[in-house]
Amino acid sequence: MRVLLVEDNAGDAELVRVACDEADAGAFALEHCETLADALARVRSAPAPDVVLLDLTLPDASRFEGLRRLTEAAPELPVVVLTGSMDRALGAAAIQAGAQDYLVKGDDGMALLPRALRYAIDRHDQAARARLLASERAARAAAEAARERMAVLAAASTAVSHSLEDRHALSSLVSCVVPRFADWCAIRTTGAEATTPEWISAHRDAAAASAVSARLEAMAAAPEEPCGPAAVAATGRAELREDVSSGSAPSPWRTALEELGAQSCMVIPVRLTDEVLGVVVFAASGRRFGPDDLVVAEEIGRRAGVAVANCRLYREARLAVAAREEFLSVAAHELRTPVAVLQLKLQQVELKQRASVCGTCHLAVPADYAGAARQIARLGHLIEELLDMSRIVRDRVKIDREELDLAEVARDVIARLAELATRSRSEVALHCPEPIRGSWDRLALERVLGNLLSNALKFGAQKPVEIRVRSQGEQALIEIQDHGIGIGPEDVDRIFDQFERAVSSRHFGGLGLGLYITRQLVEEHGGTISVASTPGAGSTFTVRLPRTPLGSELPT
């Protein structure tokens, strides 16, 4: 046995040498160092000693400093402390500080030296094996926990991919994490599609899931506090409560958790990149959540965010398809009607020409031609709307500016729609006290005025329509006011979107594109369009146009 003695007193060192020789000649190979520095150099060299005898009082270390530095430098070496004191408390403190045993200097203590050295090595080896076994058990437990966490994440990913209906996907999600990851779980998302969002819950006891949802829903009426679902939804920062009942002041959220039997809790944002789409709550009654569980929960929150986003995209796609189908249906109906009337009119002309002997053909044919011309004009208007729409969708709208008088353009549009005004039994009045000059695209302005005036005549309920054109600083204002059926408050914000209408397509024709095209043309000029309306009292559309392009001078 290689024994390293660290002792600065020659007499005490001799006692140790004699004790080793008397025990069993040749059984112990003793090396002697007088300072801690020499001892540290020796334990780092080969072959390493089997055990160290360490005096607590050395020239370069006192009391437990030498023991501490030696165990840090060579934790694999057992250490027996030598002390001149009979104080057992000192020996116990040395063992607690890392020594395997202690001996009191003197003849009585030296008699126990061989046995103490062997026991120290045995105890050190047993402790090392115990630590290794504990480390292996901890590693196995950590590996098993990691496998279980990965299994939970895989199950969550599978659950949210089963359906593109968000409620079904989220129900599957909370069900798959209970009870393998949490005793109960609840999730709630927010968004335009959910005006009254509800908690979706799962519980180890299926009958208690509704109680979880009801209690969390009641929290919405509680005052805001810096913790719980409302705080996480507002800040986007996850919240971990390893022990619900300790370390926090009483609060409505803590009270709710205690009522639901939660001993540990996590509140996680349902996140898509930087956007928070909702929150998910995990609660446990028989164990504590830790930082590793928080990482898993945040990953589940991200998967839920992706699932919610996919469901919303799917819903938007379905709505877009439905809008497209409605548009195609309306377009087919609108285009079929003038074509059928046109065909009928032309057939009537042909029949009357064949029967011209009656002497009345010269009176009937012009009227038939006029009717056919109206239908052709209507068909042309619909085709122009479709062409304008295709240009806007392809971002191919081109503005050709020229110096114009807005009042003159308005008069031309009124004249062109005079026949429509006559059929609508609505009088059109233009109020423009002076020329309003600016740099605009004539065809675009004619489309804007024509669409707005056509709408006013269509929905004006046979009442007068007023057009006011005036200047306001560097802008030109166009106001078209009717006194007809008006627009409901719920429809005002959407009538400028494509394929949208505030009335039924069965009672009023059109493709639902006029106002959308109008807004696009106005915005291409750098202007704005708005509407003020009262149901039953009419509507006023206001267009504001810069009189000159940005960075240009006003025409003289």
Protein backbone atom coordinates (compact mmCIF):
# COMPACT_ATOMS: atom_id res chain seq x y z
CA MET A 1 0.00 0.00 0.00
CA ARG A 2 1.48 3.33 -1.09
CA VAL A 3 0.96 5.81 1.74
CA LEU A 4 1.69 9.54 1.36
CA LEU A 5 2.32 11.23 4.73
CA VAL A 6 1.96 15.00 4.78
CA GLU A 7 3.47 16.06 8.13
CA ASP A 8 5.85 18.89 9.01
CA ASN A 9 6.76 17.54 12.49
CA ALA A 10 9.65 15.05 12.30
CA GLY A 11 8.67 13.31 15.57
CA ASP A 12 5.11 12.68 14.45
CA ALA A 13 6.40 11.46 11.09
CA GLU A 14 8.70 8.97 12.85
CA LEU A 15 5.77 7.63 14.91
CA VAL A 16 3.86 6.95 11.68
CA ARG A 17 6.90 5.21 10.13
CA VAL A 18 7.36 2.96 13.17
CA ALA A 19 3.64 2.09 13.24
CA CYS A 20 3.74 1.05 9.58
CA ASP A 21 6.89 -1.07 10.10
CA GLU A 22 5.50 -2.80 13.19
CA ALA A 23 2.19 -3.62 11.54
CA ASP A 24 3.58 -5.76 8.74
CA ALA A 25 7.04 -5.27 7.31
CA GLY A 26 6.85 -4.48 3.64
CA ALA A 27 3.08 -4.05 3.63
CA PHE A 28 3.30 -0.26 3.52
CA ALA A 29 5.48 1.91 1.26
CA LEU A 30 5.62 5.27 3.03
CA GLU A 31 6.43 8.59 1.33
CA HIS A 32 6.83 11.78 3.33
CA CYS A 33 6.08 15.45 2.41
CA GLU A 34 6.32 18.39 4.81
CA THR A 35 4.16 20.90 2.93
CA LEU A 36 0.84 20.88 1.12
CA ALA A 37 2.46 22.19 -2.06
CA ASP A 38 4.78 19.15 -2.19
CA ALA A 39 1.82 16.85 -1.51
CA LEU A 40 -0.20 18.36 -4.35
CA ALA A 41 2.72 17.88 -6.72
CA ARG A 42 3.10 14.27 -5.62
CA VAL A 43 -0.55 13.24 -6.03
CA ARG A 44 -0.48 14.57 -9.60
CA SER A 45 2.47 12.33 -10.52
CA ALA A 46 2.62 8.60 -11.16
CA PRO A 47 2.28 6.18 -9.58
CA ALA A 48 -0.33 7.81 -7.41
CA PRO A 49 -0.48 6.91 -3.70
CA ASP A 50 -3.26 4.66 -2.45
CA VAL A 51 -4.04 6.75 0.62
CA VAL A 52 -2.97 10.08 2.15
CA LEU A 53 -2.22 10.78 5.83
CA LEU A 54 -2.77 14.52 6.23
CA ASP A 55 -1.80 16.70 9.18
CA LEU A 56 -4.34 19.49 9.73
CA THR A 57 -1.62 21.99 10.64
CA LEU A 58 0.96 22.63 7.90
CA PRO A 59 3.21 25.58 7.10
CA ASP A 60 1.17 26.47 3.99
CA ALA A 61 -2.30 25.32 5.11
CA SER A 62 -4.23 25.23 8.36
CA ARG A 63 -7.23 23.29 9.62
CA PHE A 64 -9.45 22.18 6.72
CA GLU A 65 -7.88 24.29 3.97
CA GLY A 66 -5.33 21.58 3.16
CA LEU A 67 -8.02 18.89 3.16
CA ARG A 68 -10.18 20.93 0.82
CA ARG A 69 -7.39 21.66 -1.66
CA LEU A 70 -6.17 18.05 -1.60
CA THR A 71 -9.64 16.53 -2.24
CA GLU A 72 -10.21 19.03 -5.06
CA ALA A 73 -6.87 18.11 -6.67
CA ALA A 74 -7.26 14.33 -6.23
CA PRO A 75 -10.88 13.40 -5.42
CA GLU A 76 -10.10 9.75 -6.18
CA LEU A 77 -7.66 9.44 -3.19
CA PRO A 78 -8.92 8.52 0.31
CA VAL A 79 -7.63 10.80 3.07
CA VAL A 80 -7.07 10.05 6.77
CA VAL A 81 -6.62 13.18 8.89
CA LEU A 82 -3.97 13.37 11.68
CA THR A 83 -4.77 15.68 14.57
CA GLY A 84 -3.18 16.34 17.92
CA SER A 85 -6.52 17.11 19.55
CA MET A 86 -8.71 14.61 21.36
CA ASP A 87 -11.77 16.62 20.29
CA ARG A 88 -14.12 14.19 18.53
CA ALA A 89 -16.10 17.07 17.06
CA LEU A 90 -13.00 18.10 15.15
CA GLY A 91 -12.66 14.59 13.73
CA ALA A 92 -16.33 14.46 12.77
CA ALA A 93 -15.98 17.82 11.04
CA ALA A 94 -12.98 16.49 9.10
CA ILE A 95 -14.99 13.48 7.91
CA GLN A 96 -17.84 15.78 6.93
CA ALA A 97 -15.32 17.92 4.98
CA GLY A 98 -14.22 14.91 2.90
CA ALA A 99 -11.86 12.74 4.95
CA GLN A 100 -12.55 9.02 5.30
CA ASP A 101 -11.25 8.81 8.90
CA TYR A 102 -9.19 10.64 11.50
CA LEU A 103 -6.48 9.57 13.97
CA VAL A 104 -5.16 11.28 17.09
CA LYS A 105 -1.37 11.53 17.17
CA GLY A 106 0.33 9.43 19.84
CA ASP A 107 0.99 5.81 20.65
CA ASP A 108 -2.68 4.89 21.06
CA GLY A 109 -3.67 6.48 17.75
CA MET A 110 -0.74 4.99 15.85
CA ALA A 111 -1.76 1.47 16.94
CA LEU A 112 -4.92 1.92 14.95
CA LEU A 113 -3.10 3.26 11.90
CA PRO A 114 -2.93 0.12 9.68
CA ARG A 115 -6.60 -0.68 10.18
CA ALA A 116 -7.61 2.96 9.63
CA LEU A 117 -5.70 3.08 6.36
CA ARG A 118 -7.33 -0.12 5.05
CA TYR A 119 -10.81 0.98 6.17
CA ALA A 120 -10.31 4.38 4.59
CA ILE A 121 -9.55 2.78 1.23
CA ASP A 122 -12.54 0.43 1.55
CA ARG A 123 -14.94 3.21 2.54
CA HIS A 124 -13.65 5.42 -0.27
CA ASP A 125 -14.13 2.62 -2.82
CA GLN A 126 -17.61 1.87 -1.50
CA ALA A 127 -18.52 5.53 -1.66
CA ALA A 128 -17.18 5.76 -5.20
CA ARG A 129 -19.22 2.71 -6.23
CA ALA A 130 -22.30 4.18 -4.55
CA ARG A 131 -21.80 7.46 -6.39
CA LEU A 132 -21.31 5.63 -9.67
CA LEU A 133 -24.46 3.58 -9.09
CA ALA A 134 -26.43 6.72 -8.20
CA SER A 135 -25.05 8.44 -11.29
CA GLU A 136 -26.06 5.49 -13.47
CA ARG A 137 -29.54 5.46 -11.95
CA ALA A 138 -29.88 9.19 -12.45
CA ALA A 139 -28.68 8.85 -16.04
CA ARG A 140 -31.19 6.06 -16.69
CA ALA A 141 -33.95 8.12 -15.12
CA ALA A 142 -32.95 11.17 -17.16
CA ALA A 143 -32.83 9.09 -20.34
CA GLU A 144 -36.24 7.62 -19.59
CA ALA A 145 -37.63 11.07 -18.85
CA ALA A 146 -36.12 12.39 -22.08
CA ARG A 147 -37.66 9.49 -24.03
CA GLU A 148 -41.01 10.19 -22.41
CA ARG A 149 -40.75 13.89 -23.25
CA MET A 150 -39.90 13.08 -26.86
CA ALA A 151 -42.85 10.68 -26.94
CA VAL A 152 -45.13 13.44 -25.66
CA LEU A 153 -43.86 15.83 -28.35
CA ALA A 154 -44.34 13.19 -31.05
CA ALA A 155 -47.86 12.50 -29.80
CA ALA A 156 -48.62 16.23 -29.77
CA SER A 157 -47.35 16.64 -33.33
CA THR A 158 -49.50 13.72 -34.47
CA ALA A 159 -52.55 15.00 -32.59
CA VAL A 160 -52.55 18.47 -34.15
CA SER A 161 -52.07 17.03 -37.65
CA HIS A 162 -55.18 14.85 -37.55
CA SER A 163 -57.61 17.65 -38.38
CA LEU A 164 -57.70 21.05 -40.06
CA GLU A 165 -60.58 22.11 -37.83
CA ASP A 166 -58.92 23.98 -34.99
CA ARG A 167 -61.27 22.78 -32.25
CA HIS A 168 -60.78 19.14 -33.20
CA ALA A 169 -57.00 19.57 -33.46
CA LEU A 170 -56.75 21.31 -30.08
CA SER A 171 -59.03 18.75 -28.42
CA SER A 172 -56.73 16.00 -29.67
CA LEU A 173 -53.74 17.93 -28.38
CA VAL A 174 -54.94 18.31 -24.78
CA SER A 175 -56.14 14.70 -24.74
CA CYS A 176 -52.74 13.33 -25.79
CA VAL A 177 -50.82 15.09 -22.98
CA VAL A 178 -53.20 13.85 -20.25
CA PRO A 179 -52.29 11.88 -18.18
CA ARG A 180 -48.82 11.05 -19.51
CA PHE A 181 -47.49 14.61 -19.11
CA ALA A 182 -50.04 16.48 -16.97
CA ASP A 183 -53.03 15.62 -14.80
CA TRP A 184 -55.11 18.19 -16.63
CA CYS A 185 -54.55 20.50 -19.55
CA ALA A 186 -56.57 23.37 -21.03
CA ILE A 187 -56.04 25.51 -24.12
CA ARG A 188 -57.68 28.65 -25.42
CA THR A 189 -57.02 30.54 -28.63
CA THR A 190 -58.10 34.00 -29.72
CA GLY A 191 -58.78 35.45 -33.14
CA ALA A 192 -61.33 37.03 -35.42
CA GLU A 193 -62.95 33.67 -36.10
CA ALA A 194 -63.65 33.13 -32.40
CA THR A 195 -65.69 36.05 -31.07
CA THR A 196 -66.31 34.13 -27.82
CA PRO A 197 -63.27 31.85 -27.40
CA GLU A 198 -63.76 28.90 -25.07
CA TRP A 199 -61.39 26.75 -23.05
CA ILE A 200 -60.81 23.26 -24.41
CA SER A 201 -59.87 20.97 -21.52
CA ALA A 202 -58.87 17.41 -20.73
CA HIS A 203 -58.60 15.87 -17.23
CA ARG A 204 -57.34 12.61 -15.80
CA ASP A 205 -60.89 12.29 -14.50
CA ALA A 206 -63.00 12.90 -17.63
CA ALA A 207 -65.92 14.15 -15.55
CA ALA A 208 -63.79 16.98 -14.14
CA ALA A 209 -62.83 18.49 -17.51
CA SER A 210 -65.91 20.70 -17.65
CA ALA A 211 -65.12 22.04 -14.16
CA VAL A 212 -61.63 23.05 -15.35
CA SER A 213 -63.10 24.93 -18.32
CA ALA A 214 -65.70 26.66 -16.16
CA ARG A 215 -63.18 27.73 -13.52
CA LEU A 216 -60.72 29.06 -16.09
CA GLU A 217 -63.53 30.88 -17.87
CA ALA A 218 -64.48 32.54 -14.59
CA MET A 219 -60.92 33.85 -14.36
CA ALA A 220 -61.65 36.09 -17.37
CA ALA A 221 -63.91 38.19 -15.14
CA ALA A 222 -61.24 38.59 -12.45
CA PRO A 223 -59.10 41.74 -12.32
CA GLU A 224 -55.91 41.58 -14.32
CA GLU A 225 -52.87 40.36 -12.40
CA PRO A 226 -49.20 39.86 -13.32
CA CYS A 227 -49.57 36.08 -13.55
CA GLY A 228 -51.85 33.46 -15.06
CA PRO A 229 -53.28 33.02 -18.58
CA ALA A 230 -54.13 36.70 -19.16
CA ALA A 231 -50.60 37.84 -18.30
CA VAL A 232 -48.98 35.15 -20.48
CA ALA A 233 -51.26 36.04 -23.40
CA ALA A 234 -50.31 39.71 -23.03
CA THR A 235 -46.55 39.29 -22.55
CA GLY A 236 -45.85 36.07 -24.46
CA ARG A 237 -43.61 34.87 -21.60
CA ALA A 238 -44.10 31.35 -20.24
CA GLU A 239 -44.84 30.89 -16.54
CA LEU A 240 -43.63 27.97 -14.35
CA ARG A 241 -44.89 27.38 -10.81
CA GLU A 242 -43.05 24.37 -9.45
CA ASP A 243 -45.06 24.56 -6.21
CA VAL A 244 -48.36 26.43 -6.41
CA SER A 245 -48.79 26.82 -2.66
CA SER A 246 -45.35 28.24 -1.83
CA GLY A 247 -43.29 31.21 -2.91
CA SER A 248 -46.17 33.37 -4.12
CA ALA A 249 -48.67 35.72 -2.54
CA PRO A 250 -52.38 34.77 -2.57
CA SER A 251 -54.06 35.73 -5.85
CA PRO A 252 -57.15 34.78 -7.87
CA TRP A 253 -54.98 32.63 -10.14
CA ARG A 254 -53.41 30.75 -7.20
CA THR A 255 -56.84 30.27 -5.67
CA ALA A 256 -58.18 28.84 -8.93
CA LEU A 257 -55.27 26.40 -9.20
CA GLU A 258 -55.71 25.23 -5.61
CA GLU A 259 -59.44 24.73 -6.17
CA LEU A 260 -58.62 22.58 -9.21
CA GLY A 261 -56.18 20.48 -7.18
CA ALA A 262 -53.04 21.63 -8.99
CA GLN A 263 -49.79 21.38 -7.01
CA SER A 264 -47.59 22.43 -9.92
CA CYS A 265 -48.49 24.43 -13.02
CA MET A 266 -47.16 25.83 -16.30
CA VAL A 267 -48.84 28.47 -18.49
CA ILE A 268 -47.44 28.56 -22.01
CA PRO A 269 -48.17 30.92 -24.92
CA VAL A 270 -49.52 29.36 -28.10
CA ARG A 271 -47.00 31.01 -30.36
CA LEU A 272 -46.39 31.41 -34.08
CA THR A 273 -43.04 33.21 -34.42
CA ASP A 274 -43.66 36.48 -32.53
CA GLU A 275 -47.46 36.31 -32.60
CA VAL A 276 -49.30 34.94 -29.54
CA LEU A 277 -52.42 33.06 -30.66
CA GLY A 278 -53.57 31.87 -27.23
CA VAL A 279 -52.42 30.08 -24.06
CA VAL A 280 -52.21 26.50 -22.81
CA VAL A 281 -52.22 25.48 -19.13
CA PHE A 282 -50.57 22.28 -17.82
CA ALA A 283 -51.24 21.20 -14.22
CA ALA A 284 -50.00 18.30 -12.09
CA SER A 285 -51.16 17.03 -8.71
CA GLY A 286 -48.70 14.24 -7.93
CA ARG A 287 -45.41 15.71 -9.10
CA ARG A 288 -43.57 18.97 -9.71
CA PHE A 289 -42.85 20.45 -13.09
CA GLY A 290 -39.25 21.50 -13.68
CA PRO A 291 -37.24 23.44 -16.27
CA ASP A 292 -37.05 20.38 -18.57
CA ASP A 293 -40.85 20.10 -18.48
CA LEU A 294 -41.09 23.81 -19.30
CA VAL A 295 -39.00 23.27 -22.45
CA VAL A 296 -41.34 20.46 -23.55
CA ALA A 297 -44.42 22.57 -22.78
CA GLU A 298 -43.07 25.49 -24.83
CA GLU A 299 -42.47 23.11 -27.76
CA ILE A 300 -46.06 21.91 -27.44
CA GLY A 301 -47.17 25.54 -27.46
CA ARG A 302 -45.25 26.15 -30.68
CA ARG A 303 -46.78 23.06 -32.29
CA ALA A 304 -50.21 24.26 -31.23
CA GLY A 305 -49.43 27.66 -32.79
CA VAL A 306 -48.51 26.06 -36.11
CA ALA A 307 -51.67 23.93 -35.97
CA VAL A 308 -53.88 26.97 -35.27
CA ALA A 309 -52.24 28.90 -38.11
CA ASN A 310 -52.77 25.98 -40.50
CA CYS A 311 -56.41 25.69 -39.47
CA ARG A 312 -56.93 29.40 -40.04
CA LEU A 313 -55.26 29.24 -43.45
CA TYR A 314 -57.49 26.30 -44.35
CA ARG A 315 -60.57 28.21 -43.21
CA GLU A 316 -59.51 31.27 -45.23
CA ALA A 317 -58.90 29.07 -48.26
CA ARG A 318 -62.39 27.58 -47.94
CA LEU A 319 -63.90 31.05 -47.66
CA ALA A 320 -61.91 32.16 -50.70
CA VAL A 321 -63.14 29.16 -52.66
CA ALA A 322 -66.71 29.88 -51.57
CA ALA A 323 -66.30 33.53 -52.63
CA ARG A 324 -64.90 32.41 -55.96
CA GLU A 325 -67.82 30.04 -56.52
CA GLU A 326 -70.29 32.78 -55.60
CA PHE A 327 -68.52 35.20 -57.92
CA LEU A 328 -68.55 32.72 -60.81
CA SER A 329 -72.24 32.05 -60.21
CA VAL A 330 -73.10 35.77 -60.15
CA ALA A 331 -70.86 36.48 -63.15
CA ALA A 332 -72.49 33.69 -65.16
CA HIS A 333 -75.94 34.99 -64.28
CA GLU A 334 -75.05 38.62 -65.04
CA LEU A 335 -73.42 37.80 -68.37
CA ARG A 336 -76.15 35.37 -69.42
CA THR A 337 -79.00 37.83 -68.94
CA PRO A 338 -77.87 40.57 -71.40
CA VAL A 339 -76.80 37.95 -73.93
CA ALA A 340 -80.24 36.30 -73.80
CA VAL A 341 -82.04 39.64 -74.10
CA LEU A 342 -79.74 40.65 -76.96
CA GLN A 343 -80.47 37.42 -78.79
CA LEU A 344 -84.19 37.91 -78.29
CA LYS A 345 -84.05 41.48 -79.56
CA LEU A 346 -82.12 40.49 -82.64
CA GLN A 347 -84.59 37.67 -83.32
CA GLN A 348 -87.42 40.18 -83.07
CA VAL A 349 -85.62 42.48 -85.52
CA GLU A 350 -85.18 39.58 -87.92
CA LEU A 351 -88.87 38.61 -87.70
CA LYS A 352 -90.01 42.19 -88.20
CA GLN A 353 -87.73 42.63 -91.17
CA ARG A 354 -89.29 39.52 -92.71
CA ALA A 355 -92.75 40.93 -92.04
CA SER A 356 -91.90 44.43 -93.23
CA VAL A 357 -94.94 44.33 -95.46
CA CYS A 358 -96.98 45.30 -92.42
CA GLY A 359 -95.75 48.86 -92.80
CA THR A 360 -94.78 49.29 -89.12
CA CYS A 361 -91.20 47.97 -89.26
CA HIS A 362 -89.75 51.46 -89.53
CA LEU A 363 -91.27 52.21 -86.08
CA ALA A 364 -90.51 48.98 -84.21
CA VAL A 365 -87.00 48.17 -85.41
CA PRO A 366 -85.27 51.32 -84.03
CA ALA A 367 -86.75 50.63 -80.59
CA ASP A 368 -85.53 47.05 -80.74
CA TYR A 369 -82.09 48.22 -81.78
CA ALA A 370 -82.04 50.63 -78.83
CA GLY A 371 -82.91 47.80 -76.43
CA ALA A 372 -80.19 45.64 -77.96
CA ALA A 373 -77.69 48.49 -77.65
CA ARG A 374 -78.48 48.83 -73.94
CA GLN A 375 -77.84 45.16 -73.38
CA ILE A 376 -74.61 45.34 -75.34
CA ALA A 377 -73.54 48.31 -73.20
CA ARG A 378 -74.40 46.37 -70.05
CA LEU A 379 -72.45 43.37 -71.29
CA GLY A 380 -69.51 45.63 -72.15
CA HIS A 381 -69.60 47.15 -68.66
CA LEU A 382 -69.43 43.69 -67.06
CA ILE A 383 -66.57 42.67 -69.31
CA GLU A 384 -64.73 45.91 -68.45
CA GLU A 385 -65.12 45.12 -64.75
CA LEU A 386 -63.67 41.67 -65.29
CA LEU A 387 -60.76 43.12 -67.29
CA ASP A 388 -60.11 45.76 -64.63
CA MET A 389 -60.17 43.07 -61.99
CA SER A 390 -57.67 40.93 -63.87
CA ARG A 391 -55.32 43.90 -64.29
CA ILE A 392 -55.51 44.72 -60.58
CA VAL A 393 -54.89 41.11 -59.55
CA ARG A 394 -51.87 40.97 -61.85
CA ASP A 395 -50.66 44.39 -60.65
CA ARG A 396 -50.76 45.74 -64.17
CA VAL A 397 -52.80 48.90 -63.57
CA LYS A 398 -51.18 51.78 -65.47
CA ILE A 399 -51.95 55.44 -64.73
CA ASP A 400 -51.48 57.81 -67.68
CA ARG A 401 -51.67 61.28 -66.21
CA GLU A 402 -52.71 64.38 -68.10
CA GLU A 403 -53.98 67.82 -67.14
CA LEU A 404 -57.74 67.57 -66.58
CA ASP A 405 -60.68 69.54 -65.32
CA LEU A 406 -62.46 67.28 -62.84
CA ALA A 407 -65.75 69.15 -63.35
CA GLU A 408 -65.61 68.46 -67.08
CA VAL A 409 -64.98 64.75 -66.46
CA ALA A 410 -67.95 64.66 -64.07
CA ARG A 411 -70.24 66.30 -66.68
CA ASP A 412 -69.14 63.76 -69.32
CA VAL A 413 -69.90 60.84 -66.99
CA ILE A 414 -73.32 62.28 -66.09
CA ALA A 415 -74.15 62.68 -69.78
CA ARG A 416 -73.04 59.13 -70.53
CA LEU A 417 -75.27 57.76 -67.76
CA ALA A 418 -78.24 59.99 -68.56
CA GLU A 419 -80.29 57.08 -69.93
CA LEU A 420 -79.60 55.04 -66.76
CA ALA A 421 -80.70 58.03 -64.66
CA THR A 422 -83.89 58.27 -66.67
CA ARG A 423 -84.69 54.60 -66.20
CA SER A 424 -83.88 54.90 -62.48
CA ARG A 425 -86.19 57.94 -62.21
CA SER A 426 -83.48 59.78 -60.29
CA GLU A 427 -82.41 63.32 -61.02
CA VAL A 428 -78.65 63.93 -61.01
CA ALA A 429 -77.42 67.35 -59.87
CA LEU A 430 -73.80 68.48 -60.24
CA HIS A 431 -72.47 71.16 -57.91
CA CYS A 432 -69.13 72.53 -59.07
CA PRO A 433 -68.76 76.33 -58.88
CA GLU A 434 -65.37 76.47 -60.64
CA PRO A 435 -62.99 74.31 -62.67
CA ILE A 436 -60.95 71.84 -60.59
CA ARG A 437 -57.73 71.15 -62.40
CA GLY A 438 -55.17 68.50 -61.68
CA SER A 439 -53.01 65.72 -63.11
CA TRP A 440 -55.03 62.51 -63.37
CA ASP A 441 -55.82 59.57 -65.62
CA ARG A 442 -59.02 60.38 -67.55
CA LEU A 443 -60.15 56.78 -68.08
CA ALA A 444 -59.51 55.93 -64.43
CA LEU A 445 -61.50 58.93 -63.20
CA GLU A 446 -64.34 58.09 -65.58
CA ARG A 447 -64.40 54.56 -64.12
CA VAL A 448 -64.40 55.94 -60.56
CA LEU A 449 -67.19 58.45 -61.19
CA GLY A 450 -69.12 56.00 -63.34
CA ASN A 451 -69.03 53.23 -60.72
CA LEU A 452 -70.05 55.56 -57.88
CA LEU A 453 -72.82 57.23 -59.89
CA SER A 454 -74.13 53.88 -61.15
CA ASN A 455 -74.32 52.63 -57.56
CA ALA A 456 -76.09 55.80 -56.44
CA LEU A 457 -78.68 55.40 -59.21
CA LYS A 458 -79.10 51.67 -58.55
CA PHE A 459 -79.63 52.00 -54.80
CA GLY A 460 -81.06 55.54 -54.75
CA ALA A 461 -84.71 54.44 -54.52
CA GLN A 462 -85.71 56.83 -57.36
CA LYS A 463 -84.60 59.84 -55.32
CA PRO A 464 -82.24 62.68 -56.39
CA VAL A 465 -78.50 62.10 -56.55
CA GLU A 466 -76.09 64.95 -55.84
CA ILE A 467 -72.49 65.20 -57.05
CA ARG A 468 -70.26 67.82 -55.45
CA VAL A 469 -66.81 68.56 -56.85
CA ARG A 470 -64.58 71.08 -55.09
CA SER A 471 -60.98 71.76 -54.14
CA GLN A 472 -59.50 71.64 -50.66
CA GLY A 473 -55.94 72.88 -50.61
CA GLU A 474 -53.78 70.54 -52.66
CA GLN A 475 -56.59 68.01 -52.95
CA ALA A 476 -59.72 67.62 -55.03
CA LEU A 477 -62.88 66.28 -53.36
CA ILE A 478 -65.67 64.35 -55.02
CA GLU A 479 -68.84 63.65 -53.02
CA ILE A 480 -71.64 61.54 -54.46
CA GLN A 481 -74.72 61.44 -52.28
CA ASP A 482 -77.91 59.45 -52.72
CA HIS A 483 -81.00 59.23 -50.51
CA GLY A 484 -81.76 55.57 -51.00
CA ILE A 485 -81.58 52.36 -49.00
CA GLY A 486 -78.22 53.09 -47.34
CA ILE A 487 -75.67 50.64 -45.95
CA GLY A 488 -75.72 48.88 -42.58
CA PRO A 489 -72.88 49.60 -40.11
CA GLU A 490 -71.79 45.96 -40.25
CA ASP A 491 -71.28 46.21 -44.04
CA VAL A 492 -69.49 49.58 -44.32
CA ASP A 493 -65.99 48.18 -43.72
CA ARG A 494 -66.25 45.36 -46.25
CA ILE A 495 -68.02 46.83 -49.28
CA PHE A 496 -64.69 47.91 -50.79
CA ASP A 497 -63.42 44.30 -50.81
CA GLN A 498 -63.65 42.16 -53.92
CA PHE A 499 -66.82 40.13 -54.47
CA GLU A 500 -68.47 41.85 -51.49
CA ARG A 501 -71.89 43.42 -51.54
CA ALA A 502 -74.21 44.88 -48.93
CA VAL A 503 -77.38 43.59 -50.64
CA SER A 504 -78.54 40.31 -52.09
CA SER A 505 -77.39 39.53 -55.63
CA ARG A 506 -80.90 38.21 -56.36
CA HIS A 507 -82.42 41.67 -56.06
CA PHE A 508 -79.55 43.84 -57.35
CA GLY A 509 -77.27 42.89 -60.22
CA GLY A 510 -73.53 43.25 -60.43
CA LEU A 511 -70.42 41.24 -59.78
CA GLY A 512 -69.45 42.84 -56.48
CA LEU A 513 -66.33 44.35 -58.07
CA GLY A 514 -67.26 47.97 -58.75
CA LEU A 515 -66.29 49.47 -55.40
CA TYR A 516 -63.20 47.30 -55.14
CA ILE A 517 -61.99 48.49 -58.54
CA THR A 518 -62.90 52.07 -57.61
CA ARG A 519 -60.81 51.94 -54.45
CA GLN A 520 -57.83 50.48 -56.31
CA LEU A 521 -57.97 53.20 -58.97
CA VAL A 522 -58.26 55.94 -56.35
CA GLU A 523 -55.33 54.56 -54.37
CA GLU A 524 -53.24 54.31 -57.55
CA HIS A 525 -53.65 58.11 -57.75
CA GLY A 526 -52.50 58.43 -54.14
CA GLY A 527 -56.02 59.21 -52.94
CA THR A 528 -58.54 57.77 -50.51
CA ILE A 529 -62.21 56.81 -50.61
CA SER A 530 -64.65 56.56 -47.72
CA VAL A 531 -68.37 56.24 -47.14
CA ALA A 532 -70.82 57.56 -44.59
CA SER A 533 -74.23 55.91 -44.58
CA THR A 534 -77.41 55.52 -42.60
CA PRO A 535 -79.77 52.63 -43.44
CA GLY A 536 -82.91 54.04 -45.06
CA ALA A 537 -81.44 57.54 -45.45
CA GLY A 538 -78.82 57.05 -48.17
CA SER A 539 -75.05 57.07 -48.54
CA THR A 540 -72.33 59.60 -49.27
CA PHE A 541 -69.12 58.43 -50.92
CA THR A 542 -66.15 60.81 -50.60
CA VAL A 543 -63.09 60.60 -52.83
CA ARG A 544 -59.98 62.64 -52.05
CA LEU A 545 -57.42 62.99 -54.86
CA PRO A 546 -54.10 64.86 -54.81
CA ARG A 547 -54.23 67.45 -57.55
CA THR A 548 -50.65 66.72 -58.53
CA PRO A 549 -48.41 63.66 -58.19
CA LEU A 550 -46.06 63.57 -55.22
CA GLY A 551 -42.95 65.61 -55.98
CA SER A 552 -44.55 67.55 -58.87
CA GLU A 553 -45.81 71.11 -59.13
CA LEU A 554 -49.46 71.97 -59.57
CA PRO A 555 -50.31 72.58 -63.25
CA THR A 556 -50.93 76.21 -64.16
